[in-house]
Amino acid sequence: MKSTLSTLLFILIGSTLSLAQSKITVDSVFNKYYDATGGKALWDNIKTYSMQRSYRAGTSADYDAEVYVSLPEQAMHKSKIIMKRGFVYAVKGNDGWLKIPLGSGDKVTKYQVNDLGKAEQTSMRAEMYDLLVPFLNYQTRGYVATLVGTETLNGKPVHQVELQSKDVRYNLYFDAGSGLLVREKQLEGGVETVTDYSNYTKSKYGIMYPAAAVETNTKDKKAIKVTTASLAINEAINPEYFKR
């Protein structure tokens, strides 16, 4: 009798776990993230954003960045500030350009304007979403998402989702408890970049974002500390940022 009850209990537990696992889908993982960070309604209403960031690896390549994005215009302006000089990378629609500052920094800055390479343009068009979350509007952008499964990361269970387009692949790791994105692996152009996220902070707009991250890639193999000092969403952006 005890053996029969034990067997039935084992089957019941197994069935319950199997049912719970079957309820986990790609969109349930994404929606849990949206819920944990402010709600999908806020995410769906994002039209523009700007952010201030710093990238530090303790080398001469350290820089600050100012980013301005308009999703409806498919436009992005990213200024890499090195020694108080801003190198501007930008895309808008099918166009892309690079502005290189000329002359000394104590005068009005003039730029040499060059076309941005196709590979860099493609990367920036993905980055304008990736800086928020790479799976935002993923279906309309032609991405395919697959639930890989549940595993352990840093001693905690995480749900892994693979997100892929013809140009880039992401492996995304979400904390099974909180729903937050804790690690991202990006494979693009043969280079894999791993980013670990932390210090989720609430923006004025109402969504939460990871204010701290550490990224490493297979090309440079150096840990870069990324700090997002501010994130402003749906606030006015000077249209000059998106002019060539």
C-alpha atoms as a PDB file:
ATOM      1  CA  MET A   1       0.000   0.000   0.000  1.00  0.00           C
ATOM      2  CA  LYS A   2       2.779   2.392   0.969  1.00  0.00           C
ATOM      3  CA  SER A   3       4.616   1.483  -2.226  1.00  0.00           C
ATOM      4  CA  THR A   4       1.495   2.233  -4.293  1.00  0.00           C
ATOM      5  CA  LEU A   5       0.963   5.597  -2.594  1.00  0.00           C
ATOM      6  CA  SER A   6       4.610   6.520  -3.089  1.00  0.00           C
ATOM      7  CA  THR A   7       4.371   5.652  -6.769  1.00  0.00           C
ATOM      8  CA  LEU A   8       1.189   7.713  -7.198  1.00  0.00           C
ATOM      9  CA  LEU A   9       2.763  10.655  -5.379  1.00  0.00           C
ATOM     10  CA  PHE A  10       5.859  10.474  -7.588  1.00  0.00           C
ATOM     11  CA  ILE A  11       3.684  10.442 -10.723  1.00  0.00           C
ATOM     12  CA  LEU A  12       1.624  13.378  -9.434  1.00  0.00           C
ATOM     13  CA  ILE A  13       4.709  15.470  -8.652  1.00  0.00           C
ATOM     14  CA  GLY A  14       6.211  14.635 -12.028  1.00  0.00           C
ATOM     15  CA  SER A  15       3.000  15.574 -13.819  1.00  0.00           C
ATOM     16  CA  THR A  16       2.779  18.860 -11.909  1.00  0.00           C
ATOM     17  CA  LEU A  17       6.363  19.794 -12.743  1.00  0.00           C
ATOM     18  CA  SER A  18       5.834  18.817 -16.366  1.00  0.00           C
ATOM     19  CA  LEU A  19       2.679  20.947 -16.560  1.00  0.00           C
ATOM     20  CA  ALA A  20       4.448  23.917 -14.973  1.00  0.00           C
ATOM     21  CA  GLN A  21       7.318  23.570 -17.414  1.00  0.00           C
ATOM     22  CA  SER A  22       4.932  23.324 -20.383  1.00  0.00           C
ATOM     23  CA  LYS A  23       3.372  26.667 -19.437  1.00  0.00           C
ATOM     24  CA  ILE A  24       6.699  28.428 -19.941  1.00  0.00           C
ATOM     25  CA  THR A  25       6.839  29.929 -23.421  1.00  0.00           C
ATOM     26  CA  VAL A  26       8.993  32.537 -25.118  1.00  0.00           C
ATOM     27  CA  ASP A  27       6.319  35.177 -24.759  1.00  0.00           C
ATOM     28  CA  SER A  28       5.580  34.270 -21.138  1.00  0.00           C
ATOM     29  CA  VAL A  29       9.277  34.842 -20.359  1.00  0.00           C
ATOM     30  CA  PHE A  30       9.297  38.163 -22.220  1.00  0.00           C
ATOM     31  CA  ASN A  31       6.016  39.270 -20.641  1.00  0.00           C
ATOM     32  CA  LYS A  32       7.303  38.445 -17.164  1.00  0.00           C
ATOM     33  CA  TYR A  33      10.252  40.741 -17.865  1.00  0.00           C
ATOM     34  CA  TYR A  34       7.919  43.515 -19.028  1.00  0.00           C
ATOM     35  CA  ASP A  35       5.759  43.085 -15.915  1.00  0.00           C
ATOM     36  CA  ALA A  36       8.811  43.129 -13.636  1.00  0.00           C
ATOM     37  CA  THR A  37      10.134  46.331 -15.187  1.00  0.00           C
ATOM     38  CA  GLY A  38       7.023  48.490 -15.305  1.00  0.00           C
ATOM     39  CA  GLY A  39       4.392  46.802 -17.462  1.00  0.00           C
ATOM     40  CA  LYS A  40       4.024  46.063 -21.162  1.00  0.00           C
ATOM     41  CA  ALA A  41       1.817  49.116 -21.762  1.00  0.00           C
ATOM     42  CA  LEU A  42       4.757  51.385 -20.930  1.00  0.00           C
ATOM     43  CA  TRP A  43       7.113  49.379 -23.126  1.00  0.00           C
ATOM     44  CA  ASP A  44       4.671  49.403 -26.055  1.00  0.00           C
ATOM     45  CA  ASN A  45       4.436  53.202 -25.869  1.00  0.00           C
ATOM     46  CA  ILE A  46       8.179  53.897 -26.197  1.00  0.00           C
ATOM     47  CA  LYS A  47       8.797  56.146 -29.196  1.00  0.00           C
ATOM     48  CA  THR A  48      12.071  57.909 -28.401  1.00  0.00           C
ATOM     49  CA  TYR A  49      14.798  57.669 -25.803  1.00  0.00           C
ATOM     50  CA  SER A  50      18.155  59.127 -24.874  1.00  0.00           C
ATOM     51  CA  MET A  51      20.822  57.882 -22.501  1.00  0.00           C
ATOM     52  CA  GLN A  52      24.172  58.821 -21.035  1.00  0.00           C
ATOM     53  CA  ARG A  53      26.663  55.990 -20.636  1.00  0.00           C
ATOM     54  CA  SER A  54      30.273  55.344 -19.696  1.00  0.00           C
ATOM     55  CA  TYR A  55      32.498  52.474 -20.823  1.00  0.00           C
ATOM     56  CA  ARG A  56      35.497  51.725 -18.615  1.00  0.00           C
ATOM     57  CA  ALA A  57      38.163  49.037 -18.975  1.00  0.00           C
ATOM     58  CA  GLY A  58      41.100  50.989 -17.552  1.00  0.00           C
ATOM     59  CA  THR A  59      42.606  51.624 -20.999  1.00  0.00           C
ATOM     60  CA  SER A  60      43.084  54.534 -23.386  1.00  0.00           C
ATOM     61  CA  ALA A  61      40.009  53.280 -25.239  1.00  0.00           C
ATOM     62  CA  ASP A  62      37.657  54.236 -22.358  1.00  0.00           C
ATOM     63  CA  TYR A  63      34.893  56.588 -23.456  1.00  0.00           C
ATOM     64  CA  ASP A  64      31.565  58.188 -22.599  1.00  0.00           C
ATOM     65  CA  ALA A  65      28.559  57.941 -24.883  1.00  0.00           C
ATOM     66  CA  GLU A  66      25.511  60.072 -25.602  1.00  0.00           C
ATOM     67  CA  VAL A  67      22.737  58.198 -27.390  1.00  0.00           C
ATOM     68  CA  TYR A  68      19.567  59.523 -29.025  1.00  0.00           C
ATOM     69  CA  VAL A  69      17.029  57.213 -30.678  1.00  0.00           C
ATOM     70  CA  SER A  70      13.741  57.669 -32.526  1.00  0.00           C
ATOM     71  CA  LEU A  71      12.128  54.295 -33.170  1.00  0.00           C
ATOM     72  CA  PRO A  72       9.411  55.606 -35.565  1.00  0.00           C
ATOM     73  CA  GLU A  73      12.110  57.269 -37.687  1.00  0.00           C
ATOM     74  CA  GLN A  74      14.478  54.313 -37.318  1.00  0.00           C
ATOM     75  CA  ALA A  75      17.101  56.890 -36.381  1.00  0.00           C
ATOM     76  CA  MET A  76      20.000  56.661 -33.943  1.00  0.00           C
ATOM     77  CA  HIS A  77      22.733  59.140 -33.010  1.00  0.00           C
ATOM     78  CA  LYS A  78      25.604  57.859 -30.882  1.00  0.00           C
ATOM     79  CA  SER A  79      28.442  60.152 -29.876  1.00  0.00           C
ATOM     80  CA  LYS A  80      31.572  58.458 -28.518  1.00  0.00           C
ATOM     81  CA  ILE A  81      33.343  61.063 -26.410  1.00  0.00           C
ATOM     82  CA  ILE A  82      37.083  60.495 -26.096  1.00  0.00           C
ATOM     83  CA  MET A  83      39.237  63.216 -24.505  1.00  0.00           C
ATOM     84  CA  LYS A  84      36.317  65.672 -24.809  1.00  0.00           C
ATOM     85  CA  ARG A  85      35.958  65.062 -28.545  1.00  0.00           C
ATOM     86  CA  GLY A  86      32.785  63.490 -29.884  1.00  0.00           C
ATOM     87  CA  PHE A  87      32.911  60.984 -32.742  1.00  0.00           C
ATOM     88  CA  VAL A  88      29.375  60.679 -34.099  1.00  0.00           C
ATOM     89  CA  TYR A  89      27.905  57.461 -35.503  1.00  0.00           C
ATOM     90  CA  ALA A  90      24.400  57.777 -36.913  1.00  0.00           C
ATOM     91  CA  VAL A  91      21.750  55.995 -38.950  1.00  0.00           C
ATOM     92  CA  LYS A  92      18.377  57.154 -40.207  1.00  0.00           C
ATOM     93  CA  GLY A  93      16.260  55.001 -42.463  1.00  0.00           C
ATOM     94  CA  ASN A  94      18.567  53.509 -45.088  1.00  0.00           C
ATOM     95  CA  ASP A  95      21.317  56.085 -44.560  1.00  0.00           C
ATOM     96  CA  GLY A  96      24.280  55.957 -42.199  1.00  0.00           C
ATOM     97  CA  TRP A  97      27.196  58.288 -41.532  1.00  0.00           C
ATOM     98  CA  LEU A  98      30.225  58.942 -39.358  1.00  0.00           C
ATOM     99  CA  LYS A  99      31.269  62.435 -38.233  1.00  0.00           C
ATOM    100  CA  ILE A 100      34.927  62.842 -37.322  1.00  0.00           C
ATOM    101  CA  PRO A 101      35.798  66.029 -35.367  1.00  0.00           C
ATOM    102  CA  LEU A 102      38.445  68.264 -36.924  1.00  0.00           C
ATOM    103  CA  GLY A 103      40.687  70.922 -35.395  1.00  0.00           C
ATOM    104  CA  SER A 104      41.384  71.658 -31.747  1.00  0.00           C
ATOM    105  CA  GLY A 105      38.825  71.123 -29.040  1.00  0.00           C
ATOM    106  CA  ASP A 106      38.792  74.772 -27.946  1.00  0.00           C
ATOM    107  CA  LYS A 107      37.098  75.950 -31.161  1.00  0.00           C
ATOM    108  CA  VAL A 108      33.689  75.391 -32.730  1.00  0.00           C
ATOM    109  CA  THR A 109      33.770  71.778 -33.854  1.00  0.00           C
ATOM    110  CA  LYS A 110      33.782  71.043 -37.556  1.00  0.00           C
ATOM    111  CA  TYR A 111      33.332  67.536 -38.857  1.00  0.00           C
ATOM    112  CA  GLN A 112      34.500  65.382 -41.693  1.00  0.00           C
ATOM    113  CA  VAL A 113      31.459  63.343 -42.740  1.00  0.00           C
ATOM    114  CA  ASN A 114      31.895  59.849 -44.171  1.00  0.00           C
ATOM    115  CA  ASP A 115      29.471  57.114 -45.134  1.00  0.00           C
ATOM    116  CA  LEU A 116      29.060  54.477 -42.450  1.00  0.00           C
ATOM    117  CA  GLY A 117      29.804  50.936 -43.615  1.00  0.00           C
ATOM    118  CA  LYS A 118      26.875  48.595 -44.239  1.00  0.00           C
ATOM    119  CA  ALA A 119      27.920  46.215 -41.461  1.00  0.00           C
ATOM    120  CA  GLU A 120      28.112  49.094 -38.958  1.00  0.00           C
ATOM    121  CA  GLN A 121      24.710  50.367 -40.088  1.00  0.00           C
ATOM    122  CA  THR A 122      23.175  46.929 -39.577  1.00  0.00           C
ATOM    123  CA  SER A 123      24.753  46.709 -36.130  1.00  0.00           C
ATOM    124  CA  MET A 124      23.401  50.128 -35.122  1.00  0.00           C
ATOM    125  CA  ARG A 125      19.876  49.282 -36.285  1.00  0.00           C
ATOM    126  CA  ALA A 126      19.945  46.315 -33.917  1.00  0.00           C
ATOM    127  CA  GLU A 127      21.612  48.351 -31.177  1.00  0.00           C
ATOM    128  CA  MET A 128      18.824  50.945 -31.067  1.00  0.00           C
ATOM    129  CA  TYR A 129      16.633  48.176 -29.624  1.00  0.00           C
ATOM    130  CA  ASP A 130      19.365  46.253 -27.820  1.00  0.00           C
ATOM    131  CA  LEU A 131      20.149  49.239 -25.578  1.00  0.00           C
ATOM    132  CA  LEU A 132      16.616  48.833 -24.201  1.00  0.00           C
ATOM    133  CA  VAL A 133      15.960  45.111 -24.748  1.00  0.00           C
ATOM    134  CA  PRO A 134      16.802  43.161 -27.916  1.00  0.00           C
ATOM    135  CA  PHE A 135      13.402  41.435 -27.981  1.00  0.00           C
ATOM    136  CA  LEU A 136      11.318  44.638 -28.167  1.00  0.00           C
ATOM    137  CA  ASN A 137       8.921  44.243 -31.142  1.00  0.00           C
ATOM    138  CA  TYR A 138      10.997  41.220 -32.143  1.00  0.00           C
ATOM    139  CA  GLN A 139       8.401  39.622 -34.439  1.00  0.00           C
ATOM    140  CA  THR A 140       7.761  42.723 -36.544  1.00  0.00           C
ATOM    141  CA  ARG A 141      11.538  43.129 -36.876  1.00  0.00           C
ATOM    142  CA  GLY A 142      11.895  39.661 -38.398  1.00  0.00           C
ATOM    143  CA  TYR A 143      13.416  37.862 -35.402  1.00  0.00           C
ATOM    144  CA  VAL A 144      12.661  34.281 -34.417  1.00  0.00           C
ATOM    145  CA  ALA A 145      12.620  33.423 -30.700  1.00  0.00           C
ATOM    146  CA  THR A 146      13.024  29.929 -29.255  1.00  0.00           C
ATOM    147  CA  LEU A 147      12.781  28.775 -25.652  1.00  0.00           C
ATOM    148  CA  VAL A 148      15.976  26.808 -24.987  1.00  0.00           C
ATOM    149  CA  GLY A 149      15.022  25.718 -21.478  1.00  0.00           C
ATOM    150  CA  THR A 150      15.752  26.217 -17.797  1.00  0.00           C
ATOM    151  CA  GLU A 151      19.268  26.009 -16.378  1.00  0.00           C
ATOM    152  CA  THR A 152      21.370  27.325 -13.501  1.00  0.00           C
ATOM    153  CA  LEU A 153      23.395  30.536 -13.638  1.00  0.00           C
ATOM    154  CA  ASN A 154      25.360  31.758 -10.614  1.00  0.00           C
ATOM    155  CA  GLY A 155      23.448  29.310  -8.444  1.00  0.00           C
ATOM    156  CA  LYS A 156      19.990  30.484  -9.560  1.00  0.00           C
ATOM    157  CA  PRO A 157      17.527  29.010 -12.074  1.00  0.00           C
ATOM    158  CA  VAL A 158      17.223  30.982 -15.312  1.00  0.00           C
ATOM    159  CA  HIS A 159      15.140  30.631 -18.457  1.00  0.00           C
ATOM    160  CA  GLN A 160      17.196  30.815 -21.636  1.00  0.00           C
ATOM    161  CA  VAL A 161      15.698  32.208 -24.847  1.00  0.00           C
ATOM    162  CA  GLU A 162      17.468  32.277 -28.207  1.00  0.00           C
ATOM    163  CA  LEU A 163      16.611  35.244 -30.430  1.00  0.00           C
ATOM    164  CA  GLN A 164      17.881  35.268 -33.987  1.00  0.00           C
ATOM    165  CA  SER A 165      17.761  37.226 -37.238  1.00  0.00           C
ATOM    166  CA  LYS A 166      19.830  36.786 -40.385  1.00  0.00           C
ATOM    167  CA  ASP A 167      22.475  39.164 -38.995  1.00  0.00           C
ATOM    168  CA  VAL A 168      22.695  38.546 -35.258  1.00  0.00           C
ATOM    169  CA  ARG A 169      21.911  35.940 -32.600  1.00  0.00           C
ATOM    170  CA  TYR A 170      21.176  36.514 -28.914  1.00  0.00           C
ATOM    171  CA  ASN A 171      21.027  34.041 -26.059  1.00  0.00           C
ATOM    172  CA  LEU A 172      19.099  35.700 -23.250  1.00  0.00           C
ATOM    173  CA  TYR A 173      19.047  34.508 -19.633  1.00  0.00           C
ATOM    174  CA  PHE A 174      16.163  35.577 -17.391  1.00  0.00           C
ATOM    175  CA  ASP A 175      16.063  35.055 -13.626  1.00  0.00           C
ATOM    176  CA  ALA A 176      13.268  32.506 -13.126  1.00  0.00           C
ATOM    177  CA  GLY A 177      12.130  34.223  -9.931  1.00  0.00           C
ATOM    178  CA  SER A 178      12.276  37.944 -10.671  1.00  0.00           C
ATOM    179  CA  GLY A 179      11.890  37.711 -14.436  1.00  0.00           C
ATOM    180  CA  LEU A 180      14.763  40.146 -14.975  1.00  0.00           C
ATOM    181  CA  LEU A 181      17.322  39.751 -17.757  1.00  0.00           C
ATOM    182  CA  VAL A 182      20.622  38.922 -16.066  1.00  0.00           C
ATOM    183  CA  ARG A 183      22.849  37.844 -18.957  1.00  0.00           C
ATOM    184  CA  GLU A 184      22.949  38.382 -22.698  1.00  0.00           C
ATOM    185  CA  LYS A 185      25.165  36.657 -25.248  1.00  0.00           C
ATOM    186  CA  GLN A 186      25.313  38.319 -28.639  1.00  0.00           C
ATOM    187  CA  LEU A 187      26.943  36.732 -31.682  1.00  0.00           C
ATOM    188  CA  GLU A 188      27.484  39.153 -34.560  1.00  0.00           C
ATOM    189  CA  GLY A 189      30.120  39.183 -37.270  1.00  0.00           C
ATOM    190  CA  GLY A 190      31.878  36.218 -35.695  1.00  0.00           C
ATOM    191  CA  VAL A 191      32.368  38.054 -32.378  1.00  0.00           C
ATOM    192  CA  GLU A 192      30.554  36.912 -29.232  1.00  0.00           C
ATOM    193  CA  THR A 193      29.838  39.525 -26.566  1.00  0.00           C
ATOM    194  CA  VAL A 194      28.678  38.464 -23.105  1.00  0.00           C
ATOM    195  CA  THR A 195      26.959  41.082 -20.939  1.00  0.00           C
ATOM    196  CA  ASP A 196      25.968  40.590 -17.295  1.00  0.00           C
ATOM    197  CA  TYR A 197      23.310  43.037 -16.055  1.00  0.00           C
ATOM    198  CA  SER A 198      22.688  44.363 -12.543  1.00  0.00           C
ATOM    199  CA  ASN A 199      21.445  47.328 -10.498  1.00  0.00           C
ATOM    200  CA  TYR A 200      18.006  47.664 -12.065  1.00  0.00           C
ATOM    201  CA  THR A 201      16.900  51.275 -11.647  1.00  0.00           C
ATOM    202  CA  LYS A 202      13.535  52.946 -12.232  1.00  0.00           C
ATOM    203  CA  SER A 203      13.454  55.677 -14.873  1.00  0.00           C
ATOM    204  CA  LYS A 204      11.341  58.820 -14.679  1.00  0.00           C
ATOM    205  CA  TYR A 205       9.142  57.314 -17.396  1.00  0.00           C
ATOM    206  CA  GLY A 206       8.400  54.328 -15.171  1.00  0.00           C
ATOM    207  CA  ILE A 207      10.281  51.373 -16.628  1.00  0.00           C
ATOM    208  CA  MET A 208      13.271  49.790 -14.937  1.00  0.00           C
ATOM    209  CA  TYR A 209      16.603  49.306 -16.675  1.00  0.00           C
ATOM    210  CA  PRO A 210      19.980  47.798 -15.694  1.00  0.00           C
ATOM    211  CA  ALA A 211      22.153  50.763 -14.706  1.00  0.00           C
ATOM    212  CA  ALA A 212      25.261  48.575 -14.433  1.00  0.00           C
ATOM    213  CA  ALA A 213      26.692  45.925 -16.711  1.00  0.00           C
ATOM    214  CA  VAL A 214      29.945  44.123 -17.398  1.00  0.00           C
ATOM    215  CA  GLU A 215      30.642  43.048 -20.961  1.00  0.00           C
ATOM    216  CA  THR A 216      33.417  40.976 -22.493  1.00  0.00           C
ATOM    217  CA  ASN A 217      33.912  39.827 -26.057  1.00  0.00           C
ATOM    218  CA  THR A 218      35.976  37.239 -27.865  1.00  0.00           C
ATOM    219  CA  LYS A 219      37.843  39.924 -29.828  1.00  0.00           C
ATOM    220  CA  ASP A 220      39.231  42.234 -27.110  1.00  0.00           C
ATOM    221  CA  LYS A 221      38.857  39.801 -24.175  1.00  0.00           C
ATOM    222  CA  LYS A 222      38.744  42.653 -21.651  1.00  0.00           C
ATOM    223  CA  ALA A 223      36.022  43.250 -19.088  1.00  0.00           C
ATOM    224  CA  ILE A 224      34.301  46.573 -19.731  1.00  0.00           C
ATOM    225  CA  LYS A 225      32.219  48.172 -16.987  1.00  0.00           C
ATOM    226  CA  VAL A 226      29.202  49.886 -18.518  1.00  0.00           C
ATOM    227  CA  THR A 227      27.291  52.438 -16.442  1.00  0.00           C
ATOM    228  CA  THR A 228      24.045  54.020 -17.599  1.00  0.00           C
ATOM    229  CA  ALA A 229      23.861  57.340 -15.767  1.00  0.00           C
ATOM    230  CA  SER A 230      20.468  58.345 -17.168  1.00  0.00           C
ATOM    231  CA  LEU A 231      17.656  57.104 -19.401  1.00  0.00           C
ATOM    232  CA  ALA A 232      15.003  59.539 -20.672  1.00  0.00           C
ATOM    233  CA  ILE A 233      12.043  58.122 -22.597  1.00  0.00           C
ATOM    234  CA  ASN A 234       9.578  59.973 -24.847  1.00  0.00           C
ATOM    235  CA  GLU A 235      11.161  63.326 -24.094  1.00  0.00           C
ATOM    236  CA  ALA A 236      11.834  65.851 -26.861  1.00  0.00           C
ATOM    237  CA  ILE A 237      14.958  65.201 -28.946  1.00  0.00           C
ATOM    238  CA  ASN A 238      16.552  67.925 -31.054  1.00  0.00           C
ATOM    239  CA  PRO A 239      16.041  66.872 -34.716  1.00  0.00           C
ATOM    240  CA  GLU A 240      19.576  68.106 -35.471  1.00  0.00           C
ATOM    241  CA  TYR A 241      20.879  64.897 -33.917  1.00  0.00           C
ATOM    242  CA  PHE A 242      19.428  62.959 -36.843  1.00  0.00           C
ATOM    243  CA  LYS A 243      20.766  65.216 -39.599  1.00  0.00           C
ATOM    244  CA  ARG A 244      23.792  64.265 -41.624  1.00  0.00           C
END
